[in-house]
Amino acid sequence: QVQLVESGGGLVQAGGSLRLSCELKGRTFATYAMGWFRQAPGKEREFVAAISRGGATTNYADSVKGRFTISRPDAKDTVYLQMNSLTPEDTAVYYCKARVAGDPDVDYWGQGTQVTVSS
């Protein structure tokens, strides 16, 4: 059973930084590609960033490029999202996702962590 445990959300002023963490429990971390999504009130859940199983490839939504960094250090079963230069538009619940490739792919989601950016 895959369990994703997120942490690091909170309240920050505009221009500040936060680092989100997502620990994968129950399975081999290296098996999974990892990603972050977010959902603001009244909006659809949207893609933020993703990183491949080995960490060599990353992708970002245009809205966060240059401000957010996704990483998965060796020997840690954790993916991070470093968020800098935050704006009120970044306010949302942030969700971690783990994907194992297959036919079909299988996705697992964390419970979400609230990020609130005040102006």
C-alpha atoms as a PDB file:
ATOM      1  CA  GLN A   1       0.000   0.000   0.000  1.00  0.00           C
ATOM      2  CA  VAL A   2       1.462   3.333  -1.081  1.00  0.00           C
ATOM      3  CA  GLN A   3       1.137   6.202   1.358  1.00  0.00           C
ATOM      4  CA  LEU A   4       2.171   9.762   0.587  1.00  0.00           C
ATOM      5  CA  VAL A   5       2.750  12.032   3.575  1.00  0.00           C
ATOM      6  CA  GLU A   6       3.002  15.744   2.832  1.00  0.00           C
ATOM      7  CA  SER A   7       4.261  18.530   5.034  1.00  0.00           C
ATOM      8  CA  GLY A   8       5.646  22.047   4.876  1.00  0.00           C
ATOM      9  CA  GLY A   9       2.610  24.122   4.032  1.00  0.00           C
ATOM     10  CA  GLY A  10       1.682  27.244   5.914  1.00  0.00           C
ATOM     11  CA  LEU A  11       1.132  30.973   5.792  1.00  0.00           C
ATOM     12  CA  VAL A  12       3.770  33.197   4.219  1.00  0.00           C
ATOM     13  CA  GLN A  13       3.925  36.771   3.004  1.00  0.00           C
ATOM     14  CA  ALA A  14       4.222  37.598  -0.663  1.00  0.00           C
ATOM     15  CA  GLY A  15       7.825  37.315  -1.787  1.00  0.00           C
ATOM     16  CA  GLY A  16       8.573  34.637   0.771  1.00  0.00           C
ATOM     17  CA  SER A  17       9.511  30.986   0.428  1.00  0.00           C
ATOM     18  CA  LEU A  18       8.275  27.600   1.547  1.00  0.00           C
ATOM     19  CA  ARG A  19       9.509  24.066   1.015  1.00  0.00           C
ATOM     20  CA  LEU A  20       6.993  21.263   0.700  1.00  0.00           C
ATOM     21  CA  SER A  21       7.928  17.659   1.400  1.00  0.00           C
ATOM     22  CA  CYS A  22       6.241  14.435   0.347  1.00  0.00           C
ATOM     23  CA  GLU A  23       7.451  11.150   1.759  1.00  0.00           C
ATOM     24  CA  LEU A  24       6.469   7.929   0.019  1.00  0.00           C
ATOM     25  CA  LYS A  25       5.906   4.986   2.354  1.00  0.00           C
ATOM     26  CA  GLY A  26       5.174   1.370   1.685  1.00  0.00           C
ATOM     27  CA  ARG A  27       6.894   0.873  -1.648  1.00  0.00           C
ATOM     28  CA  THR A  28      10.208   1.460  -3.382  1.00  0.00           C
ATOM     29  CA  PHE A  29      10.486   5.182  -4.026  1.00  0.00           C
ATOM     30  CA  ALA A  30      12.621   4.788  -7.133  1.00  0.00           C
ATOM     31  CA  THR A  31       9.756   3.025  -8.878  1.00  0.00           C
ATOM     32  CA  TYR A  32       7.643   6.160  -9.009  1.00  0.00           C
ATOM     33  CA  ALA A  33       7.683   9.334 -11.015  1.00  0.00           C
ATOM     34  CA  MET A  34       6.597  12.147  -8.707  1.00  0.00           C
ATOM     35  CA  GLY A  35       4.672  15.349  -9.150  1.00  0.00           C
ATOM     36  CA  TRP A  36       3.030  18.275  -7.414  1.00  0.00           C
ATOM     37  CA  PHE A  37      -0.406  19.660  -8.206  1.00  0.00           C
ATOM     38  CA  ARG A  38      -2.458  22.383  -6.607  1.00  0.00           C
ATOM     39  CA  GLN A  39      -6.064  23.376  -6.276  1.00  0.00           C
ATOM     40  CA  ALA A  40      -7.244  26.856  -5.398  1.00  0.00           C
ATOM     41  CA  PRO A  41     -10.781  27.483  -4.086  1.00  0.00           C
ATOM     42  CA  GLY A  42     -13.316  27.253  -6.884  1.00  0.00           C
ATOM     43  CA  LYS A  43     -10.748  26.084  -9.421  1.00  0.00           C
ATOM     44  CA  GLU A  44      -9.704  22.817 -11.013  1.00  0.00           C
ATOM     45  CA  ARG A  45      -6.665  20.968  -9.766  1.00  0.00           C
ATOM     46  CA  GLU A  46      -3.688  21.977 -11.878  1.00  0.00           C
ATOM     47  CA  PHE A  47      -0.229  20.659 -12.601  1.00  0.00           C
ATOM     48  CA  VAL A  48       2.697  22.403 -10.893  1.00  0.00           C
ATOM     49  CA  ALA A  49       5.838  20.299 -11.351  1.00  0.00           C
ATOM     50  CA  ALA A  50       7.023  16.758 -12.029  1.00  0.00           C
ATOM     51  CA  ILE A  51      10.229  14.776 -11.789  1.00  0.00           C
ATOM     52  CA  SER A  52      11.153  11.486 -13.398  1.00  0.00           C
ATOM     53  CA  ARG A  53      11.976   8.322 -11.496  1.00  0.00           C
ATOM     54  CA  GLY A  54      15.712   8.892 -11.656  1.00  0.00           C
ATOM     55  CA  GLY A  55      15.466  12.636 -11.196  1.00  0.00           C
ATOM     56  CA  ALA A  56      17.059  13.502 -14.519  1.00  0.00           C
ATOM     57  CA  THR A  57      13.965  15.116 -16.018  1.00  0.00           C
ATOM     58  CA  THR A  58      11.809  17.843 -14.550  1.00  0.00           C
ATOM     59  CA  ASN A  59       8.830  19.761 -15.878  1.00  0.00           C
ATOM     60  CA  TYR A  60       7.110  22.859 -14.608  1.00  0.00           C
ATOM     61  CA  ALA A  61       3.944  24.778 -15.239  1.00  0.00           C
ATOM     62  CA  ASP A  62       4.679  28.098 -16.929  1.00  0.00           C
ATOM     63  CA  SER A  63       3.263  29.951 -13.936  1.00  0.00           C
ATOM     64  CA  VAL A  64       5.966  28.601 -11.595  1.00  0.00           C
ATOM     65  CA  LYS A  65       9.015  28.312 -13.868  1.00  0.00           C
ATOM     66  CA  GLY A  66      12.015  30.057 -12.402  1.00  0.00           C
ATOM     67  CA  ARG A  67      10.402  30.245  -8.941  1.00  0.00           C
ATOM     68  CA  PHE A  68       9.729  26.622  -7.950  1.00  0.00           C
ATOM     69  CA  THR A  69      12.147  23.687  -7.927  1.00  0.00           C
ATOM     70  CA  ILE A  70      11.228  20.026  -7.610  1.00  0.00           C
ATOM     71  CA  SER A  71      13.843  17.579  -6.375  1.00  0.00           C
ATOM     72  CA  ARG A  72      14.256  14.022  -5.088  1.00  0.00           C
ATOM     73  CA  PRO A  73      17.627  13.585  -3.400  1.00  0.00           C
ATOM     74  CA  ASP A  74      19.334  10.223  -3.488  1.00  0.00           C
ATOM     75  CA  ALA A  75      18.817   7.973  -0.473  1.00  0.00           C
ATOM     76  CA  LYS A  76      15.642   9.802   0.587  1.00  0.00           C
ATOM     77  CA  ASP A  77      12.147   8.545  -0.084  1.00  0.00           C
ATOM     78  CA  THR A  78      10.993  12.114  -0.348  1.00  0.00           C
ATOM     79  CA  VAL A  79      10.237  14.620  -3.077  1.00  0.00           C
ATOM     80  CA  TYR A  80      10.545  18.320  -2.351  1.00  0.00           C
ATOM     81  CA  LEU A  81       9.027  21.438  -3.842  1.00  0.00           C
ATOM     82  CA  GLN A  82      11.031  24.548  -3.085  1.00  0.00           C
ATOM     83  CA  MET A  83       8.823  27.575  -3.682  1.00  0.00           C
ATOM     84  CA  ASN A  84      10.369  31.033  -3.887  1.00  0.00           C
ATOM     85  CA  SER A  85       9.006  34.481  -4.704  1.00  0.00           C
ATOM     86  CA  LEU A  86       5.536  33.399  -3.701  1.00  0.00           C
ATOM     87  CA  THR A  87       2.532  35.465  -4.706  1.00  0.00           C
ATOM     88  CA  PRO A  88      -1.098  35.378  -3.512  1.00  0.00           C
ATOM     89  CA  GLU A  89      -1.913  33.547  -6.757  1.00  0.00           C
ATOM     90  CA  ASP A  90       0.069  30.586  -5.416  1.00  0.00           C
ATOM     91  CA  THR A  91      -2.429  30.140  -2.595  1.00  0.00           C
ATOM     92  CA  ALA A  92      -3.887  26.640  -2.864  1.00  0.00           C
ATOM     93  CA  VAL A  93      -3.926  23.167  -1.438  1.00  0.00           C
ATOM     94  CA  TYR A  94      -0.854  21.415  -2.791  1.00  0.00           C
ATOM     95  CA  TYR A  95      -1.021  17.694  -3.546  1.00  0.00           C
ATOM     96  CA  CYS A  96       1.759  15.215  -4.115  1.00  0.00           C
ATOM     97  CA  LYS A  97       1.286  12.486  -6.707  1.00  0.00           C
ATOM     98  CA  ALA A  98       3.211   9.273  -7.318  1.00  0.00           C
ATOM     99  CA  ARG A  99       2.844   7.486 -10.630  1.00  0.00           C
ATOM    100  CA  VAL A 100       3.950   3.999 -11.511  1.00  0.00           C
ATOM    101  CA  ALA A 101       4.083   3.357 -15.241  1.00  0.00           C
ATOM    102  CA  GLY A 102       2.011   0.520 -16.558  1.00  0.00           C
ATOM    103  CA  ASP A 103      -0.923  -0.398 -18.727  1.00  0.00           C
ATOM    104  CA  PRO A 104      -2.615   1.625 -17.425  1.00  0.00           C
ATOM    105  CA  ASP A 105      -0.525   3.965 -15.295  1.00  0.00           C
ATOM    106  CA  VAL A 106      -1.460   4.002 -11.608  1.00  0.00           C
ATOM    107  CA  ASP A 107      -1.533   7.220  -9.599  1.00  0.00           C
ATOM    108  CA  TYR A 108      -1.454   7.748  -5.844  1.00  0.00           C
ATOM    109  CA  TRP A 109      -2.254  11.037  -4.131  1.00  0.00           C
ATOM    110  CA  GLY A 110      -1.315  12.632  -0.863  1.00  0.00           C
ATOM    111  CA  GLN A 111      -3.818  14.287   1.440  1.00  0.00           C
ATOM    112  CA  GLY A 112      -2.781  17.815   0.506  1.00  0.00           C
ATOM    113  CA  THR A 113      -1.133  20.649   2.382  1.00  0.00           C
ATOM    114  CA  GLN A 114      -2.425  24.215   2.512  1.00  0.00           C
ATOM    115  CA  VAL A 115      -0.254  27.054   1.256  1.00  0.00           C
ATOM    116  CA  THR A 116      -1.525  30.567   1.889  1.00  0.00           C
ATOM    117  CA  VAL A 117       0.323  33.619   0.600  1.00  0.00           C
ATOM    118  CA  SER A 118      -0.736  36.966   2.026  1.00  0.00           C
ATOM    119  CA  SER A 119      -0.313  40.226   0.151  1.00  0.00           C
END
